[in-house]
C-alpha cells in the first residue's frame, strides 16, 4: 500500500484520532488486496472510519456520539463507488454503484426508525438530536449485515425516554435481523429489559454468569449483590442513605493477588486475599467465582 495514501486516509479521519495498531494492520492487509483508484478512495476511507468492522463482520455502536462526530463530518462520506471489498471469505465481496450506495444508506437509516431518512442523509451531526445521532451510529454498524452487534453503552448521555427508544430499537433489530447482540452496560435496568444471559465482570474477570431471570432472582457474588442493592427503589425511606459498594476499584497496577473483589468485599478473609477463587457452577448455567461457594463443595468449571 502506498504510504502517502495511508497517511492521507488517517488524516482524513482526524489528525489527532488514535487508530489502534491491530486495526492499522487489518486496514493495510485489506487495502493491499484492492486496486486503489481515485474513484474508490471514498469507500476505503469509510472502511477505515468503521475500524475495519466490515472485514470482521461485527457491527459496533459506541457510547455517546464523539466517534460519530469524527467520522461523519461530511454527508458525502457515506457515498462512493465500491469496485471490490476486501474479504471474500466472509461473503462481503460486492460491487455497488454510487447511487446504490446512497440507496443502501437511506435504507439503513429507515430501518433504524429515522423519520424522513432522505433528508437525514444530507444533514450534519449538529442538525440531529442525540437520539438521532445514535440511531445513525446503529445504522452504520448494521450496514454490512453483521452477525454480531456490539453495543457498548449505547444509551450513555441520552435522556430516559430516548434510552428506552434505543433499547426497543436494538431489541426489534435483534429479532428482525436474527443477529446476536453483545450489550455492554452498567445499567442493570437495561440488562433486565433487554438481555437473555448476563456475565458480570469486575476488574477484567467474569465473576458471575447466569440467565437474566436467575441472576436477578438469585444474585450470588458479593459484587453482583452490591450492584443490585444500589438500584434506587420506592421503598427507600426519606433521609436514609442509599446503599453503596464501599471502597473504589483498584488501579490495574495493583490488582489483588487473590479474589479481585477482596479489597471491597465485607466477607473477604485472608484466604480470599491470597488465592484466586475457581469458577463454580452452583446451579445449571449459574456460575460464580467466589470462595464462599468453592468451599461449600460446588462443582468447579
C-alpha atoms as a PDB file:
ATOM      1  CA  UNK A   1       0.000   0.000   0.000  1.00  0.00           C
ATOM      2  CA  UNK A   2       1.241   3.499  -0.827  1.00  0.00           C
ATOM      3  CA  UNK A   3       2.439   5.172   2.404  1.00  0.00           C
ATOM      4  CA  UNK A   4       1.253   8.616   1.275  1.00  0.00           C
ATOM      5  CA  UNK A   5      -2.239   7.229   0.654  1.00  0.00           C
ATOM      6  CA  UNK A   6      -2.233   5.535   4.049  1.00  0.00           C
ATOM      7  CA  UNK A   7      -1.334   8.776   5.817  1.00  0.00           C
ATOM      8  CA  UNK A   8      -3.986  10.644   3.810  1.00  0.00           C
ATOM      9  CA  UNK A   9      -6.608   8.113   4.901  1.00  0.00           C
ATOM     10  CA  UNK A  10      -5.711   8.530   8.574  1.00  0.00           C
ATOM     11  CA  UNK A  11      -5.542  12.321   8.231  1.00  0.00           C
ATOM     12  CA  UNK A  12      -8.997  12.465   6.631  1.00  0.00           C
ATOM     13  CA  UNK A  13     -10.407  10.819   9.738  1.00  0.00           C
ATOM     14  CA  UNK A  14      -8.953  13.322  12.142  1.00  0.00           C
ATOM     15  CA  UNK A  15      -5.328  14.359  12.634  1.00  0.00           C
ATOM     16  CA  UNK A  16      -5.466  13.535  16.353  1.00  0.00           C
ATOM     17  CA  UNK A  17      -7.516  10.318  16.171  1.00  0.00           C
ATOM     18  CA  UNK A  18      -5.612   7.344  17.564  1.00  0.00           C
ATOM     19  CA  UNK A  19      -6.080   4.263  15.384  1.00  0.00           C
ATOM     20  CA  UNK A  20      -5.135   1.016  17.221  1.00  0.00           C
ATOM     21  CA  UNK A  21      -2.186  -0.870  15.747  1.00  0.00           C
ATOM     22  CA  UNK A  22      -4.279  -4.016  15.209  1.00  0.00           C
ATOM     23  CA  UNK A  23      -6.803  -2.027  13.202  1.00  0.00           C
ATOM     24  CA  UNK A  24      -3.997  -0.444  11.161  1.00  0.00           C
ATOM     25  CA  UNK A  25      -2.690  -3.932  10.317  1.00  0.00           C
ATOM     26  CA  UNK A  26      -6.136  -5.098   9.192  1.00  0.00           C
ATOM     27  CA  UNK A  27      -6.570  -1.992   7.070  1.00  0.00           C
ATOM     28  CA  UNK A  28      -3.151  -2.375   5.452  1.00  0.00           C
ATOM     29  CA  UNK A  29      -3.743  -6.029   4.576  1.00  0.00           C
ATOM     30  CA  UNK A  30      -7.218  -5.252   3.251  1.00  0.00           C
ATOM     31  CA  UNK A  31      -6.299  -2.277   1.102  1.00  0.00           C
ATOM     32  CA  UNK A  32      -3.277  -4.130  -0.295  1.00  0.00           C
ATOM     33  CA  UNK A  33      -5.793  -6.508  -1.851  1.00  0.00           C
ATOM     34  CA  UNK A  34      -7.601  -3.695  -3.614  1.00  0.00           C
ATOM     35  CA  UNK A  35      -6.514  -1.851  -6.739  1.00  0.00           C
ATOM     36  CA  UNK A  36      -6.532   1.599  -5.186  1.00  0.00           C
ATOM     37  CA  UNK A  37      -8.009   4.139  -7.555  1.00  0.00           C
ATOM     38  CA  UNK A  38      -9.213   7.639  -7.015  1.00  0.00           C
ATOM     39  CA  UNK A  39     -12.814   6.708  -7.673  1.00  0.00           C
ATOM     40  CA  UNK A  40     -12.965   4.104  -4.902  1.00  0.00           C
ATOM     41  CA  UNK A  41     -10.927   6.128  -2.429  1.00  0.00           C
ATOM     42  CA  UNK A  42     -14.023   7.319  -0.559  1.00  0.00           C
ATOM     43  CA  UNK A  43     -15.204   3.813   0.285  1.00  0.00           C
ATOM     44  CA  UNK A  44     -11.739   2.856   1.533  1.00  0.00           C
ATOM     45  CA  UNK A  45     -11.975   5.881   3.795  1.00  0.00           C
ATOM     46  CA  UNK A  46     -15.337   4.627   5.071  1.00  0.00           C
ATOM     47  CA  UNK A  47     -13.801   1.210   5.802  1.00  0.00           C
ATOM     48  CA  UNK A  48     -11.159   2.986   7.866  1.00  0.00           C
ATOM     49  CA  UNK A  49     -13.645   5.058   9.823  1.00  0.00           C
ATOM     50  CA  UNK A  50     -15.610   1.981  10.847  1.00  0.00           C
ATOM     51  CA  UNK A  51     -12.381   0.442  12.180  1.00  0.00           C
ATOM     52  CA  UNK A  52     -12.445  -2.450   9.736  1.00  0.00           C
ATOM     53  CA  UNK A  53     -15.634  -3.910  11.213  1.00  0.00           C
ATOM     54  CA  UNK A  54     -16.804  -4.754   7.697  1.00  0.00           C
ATOM     55  CA  UNK A  55     -13.921  -7.191   7.497  1.00  0.00           C
ATOM     56  CA  UNK A  56     -14.673  -8.679  10.896  1.00  0.00           C
ATOM     57  CA  UNK A  57     -18.438  -8.877  10.197  1.00  0.00           C
ATOM     58  CA  UNK A  58     -19.027  -7.216  13.549  1.00  0.00           C
ATOM     59  CA  UNK A  59     -21.002  -4.011  13.982  1.00  0.00           C
ATOM     60  CA  UNK A  60     -20.051  -1.721  16.850  1.00  0.00           C
ATOM     61  CA  UNK A  61     -22.128   1.005  18.492  1.00  0.00           C
ATOM     62  CA  UNK A  62     -20.044   3.197  20.789  1.00  0.00           C
ATOM     63  CA  UNK A  63     -21.035   5.176  23.847  1.00  0.00           C
ATOM     64  CA  UNK A  64     -22.149   8.715  23.052  1.00  0.00           C
ATOM     65  CA  UNK A  65     -21.566  10.359  19.700  1.00  0.00           C
ATOM     66  CA  UNK A  66     -17.925  11.507  19.773  1.00  0.00           C
ATOM     67  CA  UNK A  67     -16.929   8.885  17.220  1.00  0.00           C
ATOM     68  CA  UNK A  68     -19.952   9.778  15.135  1.00  0.00           C
ATOM     69  CA  UNK A  69     -18.943  13.443  15.077  1.00  0.00           C
ATOM     70  CA  UNK A  70     -15.425  12.500  13.999  1.00  0.00           C
ATOM     71  CA  UNK A  71     -16.271  10.211  11.102  1.00  0.00           C
ATOM     72  CA  UNK A  72     -19.431  11.891   9.839  1.00  0.00           C
ATOM     73  CA  UNK A  73     -18.058  15.350   9.112  1.00  0.00           C
ATOM     74  CA  UNK A  74     -19.457  15.340   5.585  1.00  0.00           C
ATOM     75  CA  UNK A  75     -22.662  13.668   4.400  1.00  0.00           C
ATOM     76  CA  UNK A  76     -20.992  12.599   1.160  1.00  0.00           C
ATOM     77  CA  UNK A  77     -18.710  10.266   3.143  1.00  0.00           C
ATOM     78  CA  UNK A  78     -21.490   7.670   3.006  1.00  0.00           C
ATOM     79  CA  UNK A  79     -21.307   7.701  -0.770  1.00  0.00           C
ATOM     80  CA  UNK A  80     -18.669   6.309  -3.055  1.00  0.00           C
ATOM     81  CA  UNK A  81     -18.241   3.639  -5.631  1.00  0.00           C
ATOM     82  CA  UNK A  82     -17.221   0.212  -4.355  1.00  0.00           C
ATOM     83  CA  UNK A  83     -15.421  -1.820  -7.005  1.00  0.00           C
ATOM     84  CA  UNK A  84     -14.257  -4.550  -4.694  1.00  0.00           C
ATOM     85  CA  UNK A  85     -14.407  -5.169  -0.968  1.00  0.00           C
ATOM     86  CA  UNK A  86     -11.654  -6.843   0.943  1.00  0.00           C
ATOM     87  CA  UNK A  87     -12.765 -10.163   2.354  1.00  0.00           C
ATOM     88  CA  UNK A  88     -14.303 -12.775   0.094  1.00  0.00           C
ATOM     89  CA  UNK A  89     -14.215 -15.455   2.805  1.00  0.00           C
ATOM     90  CA  UNK A  90     -16.705 -13.520   4.922  1.00  0.00           C
ATOM     91  CA  UNK A  91     -19.015 -13.068   1.954  1.00  0.00           C
ATOM     92  CA  UNK A  92     -18.662  -9.291   1.888  1.00  0.00           C
ATOM     93  CA  UNK A  93     -17.216  -9.074  -1.612  1.00  0.00           C
ATOM     94  CA  UNK A  94     -19.556  -6.882  -3.638  1.00  0.00           C
ATOM     95  CA  UNK A  95     -19.839  -4.356  -6.399  1.00  0.00           C
ATOM     96  CA  UNK A  96     -22.071  -1.336  -5.915  1.00  0.00           C
ATOM     97  CA  UNK A  97     -22.508   1.990  -7.651  1.00  0.00           C
ATOM     98  CA  UNK A  98     -22.661   5.407  -6.034  1.00  0.00           C
ATOM     99  CA  UNK A  99     -26.437   5.540  -6.438  1.00  0.00           C
ATOM    100  CA  UNK A 100     -26.854   2.073  -4.937  1.00  0.00           C
ATOM    101  CA  UNK A 101     -24.622   3.071  -2.010  1.00  0.00           C
ATOM    102  CA  UNK A 102     -26.821   6.100  -1.375  1.00  0.00           C
ATOM    103  CA  UNK A 103     -29.977   3.983  -1.531  1.00  0.00           C
ATOM    104  CA  UNK A 104     -28.429   1.472   0.886  1.00  0.00           C
ATOM    105  CA  UNK A 105     -27.539   4.252   3.332  1.00  0.00           C
ATOM    106  CA  UNK A 106     -31.088   5.630   3.231  1.00  0.00           C
ATOM    107  CA  UNK A 107     -32.487   2.113   3.645  1.00  0.00           C
ATOM    108  CA  UNK A 108     -30.400   1.597   6.809  1.00  0.00           C
ATOM    109  CA  UNK A 109     -31.489   4.974   8.208  1.00  0.00           C
ATOM    110  CA  UNK A 110     -35.104   3.982   7.591  1.00  0.00           C
ATOM    111  CA  UNK A 111     -34.507   0.605   9.290  1.00  0.00           C
ATOM    112  CA  UNK A 112     -33.448   2.356  12.488  1.00  0.00           C
ATOM    113  CA  UNK A 113     -36.648   4.388  12.597  1.00  0.00           C
ATOM    114  CA  UNK A 114     -35.311   7.760  11.494  1.00  0.00           C
ATOM    115  CA  UNK A 115     -38.163   9.879  10.062  1.00  0.00           C
ATOM    116  CA  UNK A 116     -37.525  11.328   6.614  1.00  0.00           C
ATOM    117  CA  UNK A 117     -34.251   9.388   6.067  1.00  0.00           C
ATOM    118  CA  UNK A 118     -33.703  11.049   2.676  1.00  0.00           C
ATOM    119  CA  UNK A 119     -33.356  14.405   4.402  1.00  0.00           C
ATOM    120  CA  UNK A 120     -31.320  12.979   7.301  1.00  0.00           C
ATOM    121  CA  UNK A 121     -28.838  11.614   4.748  1.00  0.00           C
ATOM    122  CA  UNK A 122     -27.901  15.180   3.833  1.00  0.00           C
ATOM    123  CA  UNK A 123     -27.666  16.547   7.372  1.00  0.00           C
ATOM    124  CA  UNK A 124     -24.683  17.258   9.619  1.00  0.00           C
ATOM    125  CA  UNK A 125     -24.383  15.968  13.214  1.00  0.00           C
ATOM    126  CA  UNK A 126     -25.251  19.304  14.835  1.00  0.00           C
ATOM    127  CA  UNK A 127     -28.576  19.225  12.996  1.00  0.00           C
ATOM    128  CA  UNK A 128     -29.599  15.970  14.706  1.00  0.00           C
ATOM    129  CA  UNK A 129     -30.607  15.225  18.304  1.00  0.00           C
ATOM    130  CA  UNK A 130     -28.554  12.869  20.470  1.00  0.00           C
ATOM    131  CA  UNK A 131     -31.042  10.055  19.924  1.00  0.00           C
ATOM    132  CA  UNK A 132     -30.997  10.577  16.163  1.00  0.00           C
ATOM    133  CA  UNK A 133     -27.197  10.559  16.135  1.00  0.00           C
ATOM    134  CA  UNK A 134     -27.155   7.251  17.998  1.00  0.00           C
ATOM    135  CA  UNK A 135     -29.635   5.798  15.501  1.00  0.00           C
ATOM    136  CA  UNK A 136     -27.267   6.801  12.697  1.00  0.00           C
ATOM    137  CA  UNK A 137     -24.438   5.019  14.527  1.00  0.00           C
ATOM    138  CA  UNK A 138     -26.588   1.881  14.732  1.00  0.00           C
ATOM    139  CA  UNK A 139     -27.433   2.183  11.019  1.00  0.00           C
ATOM    140  CA  UNK A 140     -23.710   2.379  10.189  1.00  0.00           C
ATOM    141  CA  UNK A 141     -22.976  -0.663  12.357  1.00  0.00           C
ATOM    142  CA  UNK A 142     -25.725  -2.661  10.613  1.00  0.00           C
ATOM    143  CA  UNK A 143     -24.827  -1.586   7.073  1.00  0.00           C
ATOM    144  CA  UNK A 144     -22.946  -4.790   6.292  1.00  0.00           C
ATOM    145  CA  UNK A 145     -25.429  -7.122   7.981  1.00  0.00           C
ATOM    146  CA  UNK A 146     -23.142  -8.208  10.862  1.00  0.00           C
ATOM    147  CA  UNK A 147     -23.623 -11.494  12.652  1.00  0.00           C
ATOM    148  CA  UNK A 148     -22.821  -9.778  15.946  1.00  0.00           C
ATOM    149  CA  UNK A 149     -23.700  -6.245  17.075  1.00  0.00           C
ATOM    150  CA  UNK A 150     -21.535  -4.939  19.932  1.00  0.00           C
ATOM    151  CA  UNK A 151     -23.446  -2.202  21.748  1.00  0.00           C
ATOM    152  CA  UNK A 152     -21.037  -0.511  24.167  1.00  0.00           C
ATOM    153  CA  UNK A 153     -23.050   1.754  26.499  1.00  0.00           C
ATOM    154  CA  UNK A 154     -25.327   2.826  23.608  1.00  0.00           C
ATOM    155  CA  UNK A 155     -27.653   4.834  25.858  1.00  0.00           C
ATOM    156  CA  UNK A 156     -24.981   6.984  27.563  1.00  0.00           C
ATOM    157  CA  UNK A 157     -25.794  10.721  27.715  1.00  0.00           C
ATOM    158  CA  UNK A 158     -29.357  10.162  26.467  1.00  0.00           C
ATOM    159  CA  UNK A 159     -32.445  11.071  28.476  1.00  0.00           C
ATOM    160  CA  UNK A 160     -34.643   8.310  29.879  1.00  0.00           C
ATOM    161  CA  UNK A 161     -37.269   8.480  27.122  1.00  0.00           C
ATOM    162  CA  UNK A 162     -34.676   8.277  24.332  1.00  0.00           C
ATOM    163  CA  UNK A 163     -32.840   5.478  26.181  1.00  0.00           C
ATOM    164  CA  UNK A 164     -35.990   3.374  26.103  1.00  0.00           C
ATOM    165  CA  UNK A 165     -36.441   4.065  22.388  1.00  0.00           C
ATOM    166  CA  UNK A 166     -32.861   2.958  21.612  1.00  0.00           C
ATOM    167  CA  UNK A 167     -33.248  -0.211  23.698  1.00  0.00           C
ATOM    168  CA  UNK A 168     -36.521  -1.009  21.939  1.00  0.00           C
ATOM    169  CA  UNK A 169     -34.836  -0.436  18.573  1.00  0.00           C
ATOM    170  CA  UNK A 170     -31.986  -2.826  19.413  1.00  0.00           C
ATOM    171  CA  UNK A 171     -34.497  -5.450  20.571  1.00  0.00           C
ATOM    172  CA  UNK A 172     -36.537  -5.139  17.373  1.00  0.00           C
ATOM    173  CA  UNK A 173     -33.437  -5.316  15.156  1.00  0.00           C
ATOM    174  CA  UNK A 174     -32.221  -8.374  17.059  1.00  0.00           C
ATOM    175  CA  UNK A 175     -35.494 -10.168  16.326  1.00  0.00           C
ATOM    176  CA  UNK A 176     -35.899  -8.890  12.767  1.00  0.00           C
ATOM    177  CA  UNK A 177     -32.343  -9.480  11.535  1.00  0.00           C
ATOM    178  CA  UNK A 178     -31.581 -12.574  13.607  1.00  0.00           C
ATOM    179  CA  UNK A 179     -28.191 -11.253  14.724  1.00  0.00           C
ATOM    180  CA  UNK A 180     -26.639 -11.654  18.146  1.00  0.00           C
ATOM    181  CA  UNK A 181     -26.187  -8.597  20.381  1.00  0.00           C
ATOM    182  CA  UNK A 182     -23.389  -8.130  22.916  1.00  0.00           C
ATOM    183  CA  UNK A 183     -24.744  -5.417  25.212  1.00  0.00           C
ATOM    184  CA  UNK A 184     -22.173  -3.706  27.474  1.00  0.00           C
ATOM    185  CA  UNK A 185     -23.633  -1.510  30.210  1.00  0.00           C
ATOM    186  CA  UNK A 186     -23.695  -0.505  33.883  1.00  0.00           C
ATOM    187  CA  UNK A 187     -27.469  -0.017  33.716  1.00  0.00           C
ATOM    188  CA  UNK A 188     -28.980  -3.073  35.401  1.00  0.00           C
ATOM    189  CA  UNK A 189     -32.457  -1.937  34.387  1.00  0.00           C
ATOM    190  CA  UNK A 190     -31.420  -2.079  30.736  1.00  0.00           C
ATOM    191  CA  UNK A 191     -29.939  -5.547  31.330  1.00  0.00           C
ATOM    192  CA  UNK A 192     -33.215  -6.797  32.792  1.00  0.00           C
ATOM    193  CA  UNK A 193     -35.144  -5.261  29.911  1.00  0.00           C
ATOM    194  CA  UNK A 194     -33.016  -6.487  27.025  1.00  0.00           C
ATOM    195  CA  UNK A 195     -30.702  -9.423  27.780  1.00  0.00           C
ATOM    196  CA  UNK A 196     -31.245 -13.180  27.891  1.00  0.00           C
ATOM    197  CA  UNK A 197     -27.950 -14.089  29.580  1.00  0.00           C
ATOM    198  CA  UNK A 198     -25.644 -11.972  31.727  1.00  0.00           C
ATOM    199  CA  UNK A 199     -21.938 -12.009  32.557  1.00  0.00           C
ATOM    200  CA  UNK A 200     -20.977  -9.750  35.459  1.00  0.00           C
ATOM    201  CA  UNK A 201     -17.382  -8.516  35.195  1.00  0.00           C
ATOM    202  CA  UNK A 202     -15.090  -6.914  37.767  1.00  0.00           C
ATOM    203  CA  UNK A 203     -11.514  -5.831  37.026  1.00  0.00           C
ATOM    204  CA  UNK A 204     -11.476  -7.745  33.752  1.00  0.00           C
ATOM    205  CA  UNK A 205     -12.802 -11.031  35.138  1.00  0.00           C
ATOM    206  CA  UNK A 206     -16.213 -12.647  34.829  1.00  0.00           C
ATOM    207  CA  UNK A 207     -17.292 -13.109  38.451  1.00  0.00           C
ATOM    208  CA  UNK A 208     -20.815 -14.410  37.817  1.00  0.00           C
ATOM    209  CA  UNK A 209     -22.751 -15.776  34.864  1.00  0.00           C
ATOM    210  CA  UNK A 210     -26.398 -16.801  34.631  1.00  0.00           C
ATOM    211  CA  UNK A 211     -29.624 -16.268  32.748  1.00  0.00           C
ATOM    212  CA  UNK A 212     -31.071 -12.813  33.341  1.00  0.00           C
ATOM    213  CA  UNK A 213     -34.011 -14.113  35.351  1.00  0.00           C
ATOM    214  CA  UNK A 214     -31.799 -16.318  37.519  1.00  0.00           C
ATOM    215  CA  UNK A 215     -29.269 -13.566  38.139  1.00  0.00           C
ATOM    216  CA  UNK A 216     -31.847 -11.032  39.317  1.00  0.00           C
ATOM    217  CA  UNK A 217     -33.724 -13.543  41.455  1.00  0.00           C
ATOM    218  CA  UNK A 218     -30.667 -15.159  42.986  1.00  0.00           C
ATOM    219  CA  UNK A 219     -27.517 -12.991  42.803  1.00  0.00           C
ATOM    220  CA  UNK A 220     -24.626 -14.836  44.472  1.00  0.00           C
ATOM    221  CA  UNK A 221     -21.382 -12.947  44.049  1.00  0.00           C
ATOM    222  CA  UNK A 222     -20.913 -10.067  46.541  1.00  0.00           C
ATOM    223  CA  UNK A 223     -20.243  -7.665  43.663  1.00  0.00           C
ATOM    224  CA  UNK A 224     -23.471  -8.627  41.872  1.00  0.00           C
ATOM    225  CA  UNK A 225     -25.385  -8.310  45.127  1.00  0.00           C
ATOM    226  CA  UNK A 226     -23.848  -4.882  45.644  1.00  0.00           C
ATOM    227  CA  UNK A 227     -24.776  -3.701  42.149  1.00  0.00           C
ATOM    228  CA  UNK A 228     -28.410  -4.729  42.583  1.00  0.00           C
ATOM    229  CA  UNK A 229     -28.693  -3.293  46.094  1.00  0.00           C
ATOM    230  CA  UNK A 230     -27.534   0.114  44.797  1.00  0.00           C
ATOM    231  CA  UNK A 231     -30.519   0.446  42.458  1.00  0.00           C
ATOM    232  CA  UNK A 232     -32.892   3.095  43.917  1.00  0.00           C
ATOM    233  CA  UNK A 233     -36.429   1.909  44.613  1.00  0.00           C
ATOM    234  CA  UNK A 234     -39.636   3.345  46.023  1.00  0.00           C
ATOM    235  CA  UNK A 235     -39.229   1.522  49.341  1.00  0.00           C
ATOM    236  CA  UNK A 236     -36.317   3.710  50.431  1.00  0.00           C
ATOM    237  CA  UNK A 237     -37.324   5.962  53.329  1.00  0.00           C
ATOM    238  CA  UNK A 238     -36.724   9.679  53.046  1.00  0.00           C
ATOM    239  CA  UNK A 239     -33.444  10.734  54.597  1.00  0.00           C
ATOM    240  CA  UNK A 240     -31.898   7.255  54.589  1.00  0.00           C
ATOM    241  CA  UNK A 241     -28.605   6.955  52.698  1.00  0.00           C
ATOM    242  CA  UNK A 242     -28.666   4.802  49.581  1.00  0.00           C
ATOM    243  CA  UNK A 243     -26.626   1.586  49.672  1.00  0.00           C
ATOM    244  CA  UNK A 244     -23.166   1.816  48.110  1.00  0.00           C
ATOM    245  CA  UNK A 245     -20.300  -0.574  47.393  1.00  0.00           C
ATOM    246  CA  UNK A 246     -17.613   0.604  49.779  1.00  0.00           C
ATOM    247  CA  UNK A 247     -14.143   1.445  48.536  1.00  0.00           C
ATOM    248  CA  UNK A 248     -13.069   2.044  44.965  1.00  0.00           C
ATOM    249  CA  UNK A 249     -11.818  -0.015  42.038  1.00  0.00           C
ATOM    250  CA  UNK A 250      -8.044  -0.522  42.424  1.00  0.00           C
ATOM    251  CA  UNK A 251      -5.772   0.522  39.544  1.00  0.00           C
ATOM    252  CA  UNK A 252      -4.666  -2.185  37.120  1.00  0.00           C
ATOM    253  CA  UNK A 253      -1.142  -1.843  38.508  1.00  0.00           C
ATOM    254  CA  UNK A 254      -2.407  -3.024  41.908  1.00  0.00           C
ATOM    255  CA  UNK A 255      -4.836  -5.831  41.099  1.00  0.00           C
ATOM    256  CA  UNK A 256      -5.201  -8.099  44.169  1.00  0.00           C
ATOM    257  CA  UNK A 257      -3.371 -11.426  44.043  1.00  0.00           C
ATOM    258  CA  UNK A 258      -6.383 -13.417  45.174  1.00  0.00           C
ATOM    259  CA  UNK A 259     -10.021 -12.562  44.530  1.00  0.00           C
ATOM    260  CA  UNK A 260     -10.153  -9.319  42.556  1.00  0.00           C
ATOM    261  CA  UNK A 261     -13.047  -8.066  44.691  1.00  0.00           C
ATOM    262  CA  UNK A 262     -11.469  -8.865  48.073  1.00  0.00           C
ATOM    263  CA  UNK A 263     -10.491  -5.255  48.861  1.00  0.00           C
ATOM    264  CA  UNK A 264     -14.159  -4.205  48.806  1.00  0.00           C
ATOM    265  CA  UNK A 265     -15.900  -7.380  49.980  1.00  0.00           C
ATOM    266  CA  UNK A 266     -17.337  -7.484  53.512  1.00  0.00           C
ATOM    267  CA  UNK A 267     -16.994 -11.294  53.617  1.00  0.00           C
ATOM    268  CA  UNK A 268     -13.355 -11.439  52.464  1.00  0.00           C
ATOM    269  CA  UNK A 269     -10.750 -13.126  54.653  1.00  0.00           C
ATOM    270  CA  UNK A 270      -7.016 -13.784  54.337  1.00  0.00           C
ATOM    271  CA  UNK A 271      -7.602 -16.791  52.092  1.00  0.00           C
ATOM    272  CA  UNK A 272      -9.583 -14.619  49.646  1.00  0.00           C
ATOM    273  CA  UNK A 273      -6.746 -12.099  49.518  1.00  0.00           C
ATOM    274  CA  UNK A 274      -4.047 -14.684  48.804  1.00  0.00           C
ATOM    275  CA  UNK A 275      -5.737 -17.185  46.478  1.00  0.00           C
ATOM    276  CA  UNK A 276      -7.829 -16.658  43.357  1.00  0.00           C
ATOM    277  CA  UNK A 277     -11.176 -18.472  43.601  1.00  0.00           C
ATOM    278  CA  UNK A 278     -12.215 -21.019  40.954  1.00  0.00           C
ATOM    279  CA  UNK A 279     -15.405 -20.651  38.928  1.00  0.00           C
ATOM    280  CA  UNK A 280     -18.075 -22.919  40.423  1.00  0.00           C
ATOM    281  CA  UNK A 281     -21.413 -23.976  38.963  1.00  0.00           C
ATOM    282  CA  UNK A 282     -23.921 -23.628  41.804  1.00  0.00           C
ATOM    283  CA  UNK A 283     -26.921 -24.414  39.605  1.00  0.00           C
ATOM    284  CA  UNK A 284     -27.351 -25.410  35.943  1.00  0.00           C
ATOM    285  CA  UNK A 285     -25.980 -22.484  33.927  1.00  0.00           C
ATOM    286  CA  UNK A 286     -25.284 -20.376  37.033  1.00  0.00           C
ATOM    287  CA  UNK A 287     -21.537 -19.921  37.571  1.00  0.00           C
ATOM    288  CA  UNK A 288     -19.925 -17.805  40.280  1.00  0.00           C
ATOM    289  CA  UNK A 289     -16.289 -17.078  41.130  1.00  0.00           C
ATOM    290  CA  UNK A 290     -16.188 -16.845  44.924  1.00  0.00           C
ATOM    291  CA  UNK A 291     -14.510 -18.872  47.691  1.00  0.00           C
ATOM    292  CA  UNK A 292     -17.767 -18.866  49.617  1.00  0.00           C
ATOM    293  CA  UNK A 293     -19.221 -21.305  47.084  1.00  0.00           C
ATOM    294  CA  UNK A 294     -15.986 -23.133  46.204  1.00  0.00           C
ATOM    295  CA  UNK A 295     -15.504 -24.151  49.821  1.00  0.00           C
ATOM    296  CA  UNK A 296     -19.077 -25.429  50.054  1.00  0.00           C
ATOM    297  CA  UNK A 297     -18.225 -28.211  47.603  1.00  0.00           C
ATOM    298  CA  UNK A 298     -19.853 -26.817  44.481  1.00  0.00           C
ATOM    299  CA  UNK A 299     -18.650 -28.230  41.160  1.00  0.00           C
ATOM    300  CA  UNK A 300     -15.757 -26.308  39.591  1.00  0.00           C
ATOM    301  CA  UNK A 301     -15.970 -25.408  35.889  1.00  0.00           C
END
